[in-house]
Amino acid sequence: MKKFFKRVIRLVLLYGLCGTVIVSAQDLFVMTNIPVSAEAETAMEARTTAITNGETQAFTELLDKIVSSTDRNKIQLPTPEMITSFVQDVSVANEKAGSTRYLGALTVRFKAEPIRLFLESQNVTFLSRLPQPALVLPLYREGIQTLTLEDNNPLWQAVRDDFPASRLFQFQLPIGDEDDKRLTYEAVIQNNTESFKKLAQKYNVTQIMVIDIQKQGTQFTVDTRFWPKNTAPEAEVQLTVSDDREIPVRIFRDLLSDTLRLMSKKWLYLSQNSSQPIKIYTVTVPIEKISDLSRIRQKLQQLNFADKVDIKGFANKQLNVNFHYRGNVTELGEKLRLNDLILTAVPDESGQMVYLLTEPLNYSE
């Protein structure tokens, strides 16, 4: 029996005077602060051994950073000599050397093209580019109350003080001065394009992400949207709590952590397939029982391999969905199959082929 969590997530992609940089995204092929130590008969031999070991450790951490978690164990680690050939340069900090011992911290910059060729030979999915920075603006709504950068906004407190860490994405926060408060209100509440532009110019970013959380009873719903429009897939997150008498910051951290974790999976797919054009596949999902409608919608919203899952509407016991997908319909069908969904092509009344999306006959909640 399959169960669905109360968290419902539609993935989001981030693109690109500074406010606080709350998550730092390093250069894709640069690994920093790799601790090394070694002992040998001489300090020079110890240093050579430490740097060689450090390059291997840096390469291992690079694989953890850019290779899909499902493919990571498929990779056979190359020899130290091959790893050294991948290295563009190495810098060392905090060096300490004795007569037979060496300590330090490495920054290792790898050559991009040899790494890509190696990973392609291993037939694994990996990151090929990093997302650009984005300015984050919080919006919290409860009843008639609407808060942005006010001190009593619990979402602003969570974003400012306890934003979850990531090695992939880079976010910036506004300083929160009176100018920011005015521009954020005009941009987020009044949807003022000029105010968005002024904030983007002030913080030197090309994109702004609005995190909009609405509380209704024990349910929190997040709608993450971007300025300019249509520059990134939408995001939707839901979290139901057992007690709404207090709103601890951890609730917002849970919401942001869920989104950020799955964002990484989404970006991994898109960066690997960015050269393929987006195709829109219109699919009909038969819904026999109205009680299944919410569950099916949630299941579709959890899919992370499409640029966008656009649920158009429900009528005549049918849910109409547009999949924005980089690939052919066979590949789309295989991705859906892995998520317990079956895509079939059938003729309609006029003889035209249409796509139906169903669950396996033995499927149950």
Protein backbone atom coordinates (compact mmCIF):
# COMPACT_ATOMS: atom_id res chain seq x y z
CA MET A 1 0.00 0.00 0.00
CA LYS A 2 1.46 3.33 -1.03
CA LYS A 3 1.07 6.44 1.06
CA PHE A 4 1.58 10.08 0.14
CA PHE A 5 3.22 12.52 2.51
CA LYS A 6 1.38 15.61 3.63
CA ARG A 7 4.16 17.66 2.09
CA VAL A 8 3.37 18.41 -1.55
CA ILE A 9 6.18 19.87 -3.61
CA ARG A 10 6.44 21.38 -7.05
CA LEU A 11 10.05 22.03 -7.85
CA VAL A 12 11.68 25.34 -8.45
CA LEU A 13 14.81 26.31 -10.28
CA LEU A 14 16.93 29.31 -9.36
CA TYR A 15 18.85 31.33 -11.89
CA GLY A 16 20.60 33.97 -11.55
CA LEU A 17 25.59 46.88 -2.45
CA CYS A 18 25.09 43.22 -1.63
CA GLY A 19 22.72 42.06 1.03
CA THR A 20 23.54 38.95 2.99
CA VAL A 21 24.67 36.02 0.86
CA ILE A 22 23.03 33.18 2.74
CA VAL A 23 24.14 30.29 0.55
CA SER A 24 27.42 30.29 -1.32
CA ALA A 25 27.67 28.43 -4.62
CA GLN A 26 31.28 27.83 -5.57
CA ASP A 27 32.65 27.46 -9.07
CA LEU A 28 31.44 24.10 -10.30
CA PHE A 29 34.87 22.46 -10.69
CA VAL A 30 36.62 24.11 -7.72
CA MET A 31 36.82 22.34 -4.36
CA THR A 32 37.97 24.34 -1.34
CA ASN A 33 39.17 23.73 2.20
CA ILE A 34 40.33 20.14 1.68
CA PRO A 35 42.31 19.20 4.83
CA VAL A 36 45.48 17.17 4.22
CA SER A 37 48.17 15.61 6.39
CA ALA A 38 50.93 13.08 5.80
CA GLU A 39 54.15 11.74 7.31
CA ALA A 40 57.24 10.60 5.43
CA GLU A 41 60.99 10.46 5.80
CA THR A 42 61.30 14.10 4.77
CA ALA A 43 59.00 17.12 4.86
CA MET A 44 59.11 17.36 1.05
CA GLU A 45 57.99 13.76 0.63
CA ALA A 46 55.24 14.31 3.21
CA ARG A 47 54.05 17.39 1.29
CA THR A 48 53.96 15.51 -2.02
CA THR A 49 52.00 12.64 -0.47
CA ALA A 50 49.56 15.02 1.25
CA ILE A 51 48.82 16.94 -1.94
CA THR A 52 48.31 13.74 -3.96
CA ASN A 53 45.92 12.42 -1.31
CA GLY A 54 44.22 15.80 -1.18
CA GLU A 55 43.63 15.81 -4.93
CA THR A 56 41.96 12.39 -4.63
CA GLN A 57 39.82 13.60 -1.74
CA ALA A 58 38.87 16.75 -3.68
CA PHE A 59 37.91 14.65 -6.70
CA THR A 60 35.74 12.38 -4.52
CA GLU A 61 33.96 15.41 -3.05
CA LEU A 62 33.53 16.86 -6.55
CA LEU A 63 31.75 13.66 -7.61
CA ASP A 64 29.48 13.93 -4.57
CA LYS A 65 28.72 17.50 -5.58
CA ILE A 66 27.92 17.14 -9.27
CA VAL A 67 26.90 13.51 -9.90
CA SER A 68 23.35 12.27 -9.42
CA SER A 69 23.00 10.39 -6.13
CA THR A 70 21.47 7.45 -7.99
CA ASP A 71 24.55 7.22 -10.24
CA ARG A 72 27.27 8.05 -7.74
CA ASN A 73 28.08 4.43 -6.82
CA LYS A 74 28.43 3.46 -10.50
CA ILE A 75 31.67 5.42 -10.87
CA GLN A 76 34.95 3.57 -10.62
CA LEU A 77 37.49 5.93 -9.05
CA PRO A 78 40.41 6.58 -11.44
CA THR A 79 44.05 6.23 -10.43
CA PRO A 80 45.81 9.04 -8.54
CA GLU A 81 47.84 9.72 -11.69
CA MET A 82 44.68 10.23 -13.76
CA ILE A 83 43.15 12.44 -11.09
CA THR A 84 46.30 14.59 -11.12
CA SER A 85 45.92 14.95 -14.88
CA PHE A 86 42.45 16.40 -14.24
CA VAL A 87 43.87 19.11 -11.96
CA GLN A 88 44.40 22.61 -13.34
CA ASP A 89 46.06 24.05 -10.23
CA VAL A 90 46.32 23.65 -6.47
CA SER A 91 46.71 26.30 -3.80
CA VAL A 92 47.57 25.62 -0.15
CA ALA A 93 46.59 27.49 3.01
CA ASN A 94 47.56 27.02 6.67
CA GLU A 95 50.68 25.06 5.85
CA LYS A 96 52.52 23.48 8.78
CA ALA A 97 55.62 21.36 8.19
CA GLY A 98 57.96 19.54 10.51
CA SER A 99 60.90 17.37 9.69
CA THR A 100 58.69 14.42 8.72
CA ARG A 101 55.10 15.72 8.84
CA TYR A 102 53.02 18.07 6.70
CA LEU A 103 49.60 19.70 7.29
CA GLY A 104 47.57 22.07 5.15
CA ALA A 105 44.26 22.91 3.48
CA LEU A 106 43.93 22.68 -0.31
CA THR A 107 41.91 24.48 -2.93
CA VAL A 108 41.84 22.28 -6.03
CA ARG A 109 40.71 23.62 -9.39
CA PHE A 110 39.85 20.88 -11.88
CA LYS A 111 39.81 21.13 -15.67
CA ALA A 112 36.21 21.10 -16.83
CA GLU A 113 36.51 19.29 -20.16
CA PRO A 114 38.49 16.21 -18.99
CA ILE A 115 36.06 15.81 -16.09
CA ARG A 116 33.06 15.95 -18.42
CA LEU A 117 34.63 13.41 -20.80
CA PHE A 118 35.42 11.07 -17.89
CA LEU A 119 31.87 11.25 -16.52
CA GLU A 120 30.34 10.75 -19.96
CA SER A 121 32.46 7.60 -20.31
CA GLN A 122 30.97 6.39 -17.02
CA ASN A 123 27.43 6.90 -18.41
CA VAL A 124 26.20 8.88 -15.40
CA THR A 125 24.08 12.00 -14.99
CA PHE A 126 26.01 15.04 -13.74
CA LEU A 127 25.83 18.81 -13.43
CA SER A 128 27.31 20.81 -16.28
CA ARG A 129 26.57 24.34 -15.03
CA LEU A 130 25.58 26.24 -11.91
CA PRO A 131 22.46 28.33 -11.36
CA GLN A 132 22.83 32.10 -11.14
CA PRO A 133 22.22 34.04 -7.89
CA ALA A 134 18.73 35.21 -6.98
CA LEU A 135 17.41 37.80 -4.55
CA VAL A 136 14.91 36.28 -2.11
CA LEU A 137 11.85 38.25 -0.95
CA PRO A 138 9.60 36.77 1.78
CA LEU A 139 5.82 37.16 1.85
CA TYR A 140 3.76 35.71 4.72
CA ARG A 141 -0.04 35.76 4.76
CA GLU A 142 -2.39 34.72 7.55
CA GLY A 143 -5.99 35.88 7.54
CA ILE A 144 -6.02 39.59 6.69
CA GLN A 145 -2.38 39.99 7.73
CA THR A 146 0.23 40.37 4.98
CA LEU A 147 3.90 40.75 5.94
CA THR A 148 7.10 41.16 3.92
CA LEU A 149 10.23 42.64 5.55
CA GLU A 150 8.60 43.61 8.84
CA ASP A 151 10.37 42.45 12.00
CA ASN A 152 7.28 40.51 13.12
CA ASN A 153 7.23 38.38 9.93
CA PRO A 154 8.18 34.84 11.07
CA LEU A 155 9.11 33.86 7.51
CA TRP A 156 11.51 36.81 7.20
CA GLN A 157 13.05 35.75 10.51
CA ALA A 158 13.48 32.17 9.27
CA VAL A 159 14.98 33.22 5.94
CA ARG A 160 17.30 35.72 7.60
CA ASP A 161 18.44 33.60 10.54
CA ASP A 162 18.08 29.93 9.61
CA PHE A 163 18.06 29.39 5.87
CA PRO A 164 19.08 25.79 4.96
CA ALA A 165 22.54 25.37 3.48
CA SER A 166 23.33 24.30 -0.08
CA ARG A 167 26.52 23.75 -2.04
CA LEU A 168 24.70 24.37 -5.31
CA PHE A 169 22.51 27.46 -5.06
CA GLN A 170 23.37 31.03 -4.21
CA PHE A 171 20.82 33.34 -2.65
CA GLN A 172 20.96 36.95 -1.58
CA LEU A 173 18.82 38.68 1.00
CA PRO A 174 17.83 42.33 1.01
CA ILE A 175 19.36 44.44 3.74
CA GLY A 176 15.88 45.23 5.00
CA ASP A 177 16.19 49.02 5.20
CA GLU A 178 13.26 51.38 4.64
CA ASP A 179 13.99 51.55 0.90
CA ASP A 180 13.90 47.74 0.70
CA LYS A 181 10.64 47.60 2.63
CA ARG A 182 8.97 50.10 0.32
CA LEU A 183 10.22 48.50 -2.90
CA THR A 184 9.40 44.98 -1.67
CA TYR A 185 5.84 45.99 -0.78
CA GLU A 186 5.36 47.63 -4.18
CA ALA A 187 6.89 44.67 -6.03
CA VAL A 188 5.37 41.76 -4.11
CA ILE A 189 1.99 43.14 -3.05
CA GLN A 190 1.29 45.56 -5.92
CA ASN A 191 3.23 43.58 -8.59
CA ASN A 192 5.06 46.76 -9.62
CA THR A 193 7.55 45.93 -12.38
CA GLU A 194 9.62 49.09 -11.80
CA SER A 195 10.11 48.18 -8.14
CA PHE A 196 11.31 44.70 -9.14
CA LYS A 197 13.77 46.33 -11.53
CA LYS A 198 15.08 48.71 -8.85
CA LEU A 199 15.65 45.84 -6.42
CA ALA A 200 17.43 43.79 -9.10
CA GLN A 201 19.69 46.74 -9.93
CA LYS A 202 20.36 47.48 -6.27
CA TYR A 203 21.51 43.93 -5.56
CA ASN A 204 23.04 43.25 -8.98
CA VAL A 205 20.94 40.17 -9.79
CA THR A 206 18.98 39.16 -12.86
CA GLN A 207 16.23 37.29 -11.02
CA ILE A 208 14.12 37.70 -7.92
CA MET A 209 12.36 34.83 -6.16
CA VAL A 210 9.30 35.56 -4.04
CA ILE A 211 8.62 33.00 -1.32
CA ASP A 212 4.90 33.37 -0.60
CA ILE A 213 3.67 31.34 2.40
CA GLN A 214 -0.01 31.36 3.34
CA LYS A 215 -1.27 29.82 6.60
CA GLN A 216 -4.81 28.45 6.82
CA GLY A 217 -5.51 26.58 10.05
CA THR A 218 -2.88 23.88 10.35
CA GLN A 219 -1.84 24.00 6.69
CA PHE A 220 0.99 26.05 5.24
CA THR A 221 1.08 26.55 1.47
CA VAL A 222 4.07 27.96 -0.36
CA ASP A 223 3.87 29.54 -3.79
CA THR A 224 7.32 30.38 -5.12
CA ARG A 225 7.31 32.69 -8.12
CA PHE A 226 9.89 34.58 -10.12
CA TRP A 227 10.46 37.96 -11.63
CA PRO A 228 10.82 38.25 -14.59
CA LYS A 229 7.96 35.87 -15.29
CA ASN A 230 8.54 32.52 -17.03
CA THR A 231 12.27 32.50 -16.24
CA ALA A 232 12.03 29.45 -13.97
CA PRO A 233 9.53 26.68 -13.24
CA GLU A 234 7.01 27.42 -10.51
CA ALA A 235 7.19 25.88 -7.06
CA GLU A 236 4.45 24.81 -4.72
CA VAL A 237 4.93 23.28 -1.26
CA GLN A 238 2.38 22.24 1.33
CA LEU A 239 2.95 21.26 4.94
CA THR A 240 0.28 20.25 7.46
CA VAL A 241 1.17 20.53 11.15
CA SER A 242 -0.57 18.99 14.15
CA ASP A 243 -0.65 22.13 16.28
CA ASP A 244 -1.01 25.68 14.98
CA ARG A 245 -1.02 27.51 18.31
CA GLU A 246 2.59 28.52 17.73
CA ILE A 247 4.52 29.05 14.53
CA PRO A 248 8.10 27.98 15.24
CA VAL A 249 10.78 28.98 12.78
CA ARG A 250 11.53 25.30 12.18
CA ILE A 251 8.25 24.96 10.23
CA PHE A 252 9.53 27.43 7.66
CA ARG A 253 12.92 25.76 7.66
CA ASP A 254 11.24 22.42 6.90
CA LEU A 255 9.36 23.99 3.99
CA LEU A 256 12.48 25.64 2.60
CA SER A 257 14.62 22.52 3.13
CA ASP A 258 12.17 20.32 1.21
CA THR A 259 12.11 22.76 -1.68
CA LEU A 260 15.86 23.28 -1.75
CA ARG A 261 16.68 19.58 -1.59
CA LEU A 262 14.47 18.73 -4.54
CA MET A 263 15.55 21.84 -6.41
CA SER A 264 18.99 20.27 -6.60
CA LYS A 265 17.54 17.18 -8.30
CA LYS A 266 15.59 19.39 -10.69
CA TRP A 267 18.62 21.48 -11.62
CA LEU A 268 20.70 18.34 -12.13
CA TYR A 269 18.23 17.10 -14.72
CA LEU A 270 17.84 20.43 -16.49
CA SER A 271 21.55 21.26 -16.63
CA GLN A 272 22.17 17.88 -18.24
CA ASN A 273 19.36 18.35 -20.77
CA SER A 274 19.40 22.11 -21.31
CA SER A 275 20.43 21.78 -24.96
CA GLN A 276 17.20 19.92 -25.80
CA PRO A 277 14.17 22.04 -26.71
CA ILE A 278 11.15 22.03 -24.42
CA LYS A 279 8.16 20.17 -25.87
CA ILE A 280 4.64 20.39 -24.50
CA TYR A 281 2.73 17.11 -24.24
CA THR A 282 -1.00 17.42 -23.53
CA VAL A 283 -2.24 14.49 -21.46
CA THR A 284 -5.66 13.46 -20.18
CA VAL A 285 -5.93 11.78 -16.78
CA PRO A 286 -9.22 9.91 -16.22
CA ILE A 287 -10.58 10.39 -12.68
CA GLU A 288 -13.35 7.95 -11.77
CA LYS A 289 -13.79 9.00 -8.12
CA ILE A 290 -13.71 12.60 -7.00
CA SER A 291 -11.89 11.42 -3.88
CA ASP A 292 -8.91 10.52 -6.11
CA LEU A 293 -8.62 14.02 -7.58
CA SER A 294 -6.55 15.61 -4.79
CA ARG A 295 -4.23 12.60 -4.53
CA ILE A 296 -3.57 12.51 -8.28
CA ARG A 297 -2.93 16.26 -8.39
CA GLN A 298 -0.43 15.92 -5.56
CA LYS A 299 1.28 13.01 -7.26
CA LEU A 300 1.68 14.98 -10.48
CA GLN A 301 3.01 17.99 -8.59
CA GLN A 302 5.74 15.82 -7.05
CA LEU A 303 7.23 14.84 -10.42
CA ASN A 304 10.70 16.38 -10.73
CA PHE A 305 11.82 15.48 -14.25
CA ALA A 306 9.74 17.97 -16.23
CA ASP A 307 10.40 21.69 -16.58
CA LYS A 308 6.77 22.26 -15.64
CA VAL A 309 3.67 20.20 -14.89
CA ASP A 310 0.79 22.49 -15.78
CA ILE A 311 -2.54 21.20 -14.47
CA LYS A 312 -5.11 22.93 -16.65
CA GLY A 313 -8.42 21.89 -15.10
CA PHE A 314 -10.88 19.14 -14.23
CA ALA A 315 -14.12 18.45 -16.15
CA ASN A 316 -16.16 15.43 -17.21
CA LYS A 317 -14.14 13.14 -14.94
CA GLN A 318 -10.92 14.14 -16.71
CA LEU A 319 -7.89 16.08 -15.49
CA ASN A 320 -6.10 17.90 -18.31
CA VAL A 321 -2.34 18.30 -17.91
CA ASN A 322 0.45 19.82 -20.00
CA PHE A 323 3.92 18.34 -19.48
CA HIS A 324 6.76 20.71 -20.44
CA TYR A 325 9.49 18.16 -21.09
CA ARG A 326 12.92 18.07 -22.77
CA GLY A 327 12.80 14.80 -24.67
CA ASN A 328 10.55 12.60 -26.78
CA VAL A 329 7.29 11.00 -25.72
CA THR A 330 8.93 7.58 -25.26
CA GLU A 331 11.37 9.05 -22.73
CA LEU A 332 8.51 10.86 -21.00
CA GLY A 333 6.57 7.61 -20.78
CA GLU A 334 9.54 5.84 -19.20
CA LYS A 335 9.97 8.60 -16.60
CA LEU A 336 6.28 8.36 -15.74
CA ARG A 337 6.45 4.57 -15.51
CA LEU A 338 9.16 4.89 -12.86
CA ASN A 339 6.67 6.97 -10.88
CA ASP A 340 3.84 4.39 -11.12
CA LEU A 341 2.08 6.15 -13.98
CA ILE A 342 1.29 4.66 -17.39
CA LEU A 343 1.25 6.84 -20.52
CA THR A 344 -0.61 5.40 -23.52
CA ALA A 345 -1.66 6.75 -26.92
CA VAL A 346 -5.26 6.03 -27.92
CA PRO A 347 -7.50 7.32 -30.75
CA ASP A 348 -10.26 9.76 -29.82
CA GLU A 349 -13.70 9.90 -31.46
CA SER A 350 -12.30 11.67 -34.53
CA GLY A 351 -9.47 9.18 -34.93
CA GLN A 352 -6.79 11.56 -33.66
CA MET A 353 -4.26 10.07 -31.23
CA VAL A 354 -4.39 11.44 -27.68
CA TYR A 355 -2.32 10.62 -24.61
CA LEU A 356 -3.92 9.05 -21.54
CA LEU A 357 -2.21 8.85 -18.16
CA THR A 358 -3.35 6.15 -15.74
CA GLU A 359 -2.13 4.25 -12.70
CA PRO A 360 -1.38 0.51 -12.77
CA LEU A 361 -4.41 -1.69 -12.12
CA ASN A 362 -2.84 -3.06 -8.93
CA TYR A 363 -2.16 0.42 -7.57
CA SER A 364 -3.65 1.38 -4.23
CA GLU A 365 -3.01 4.10 -1.69
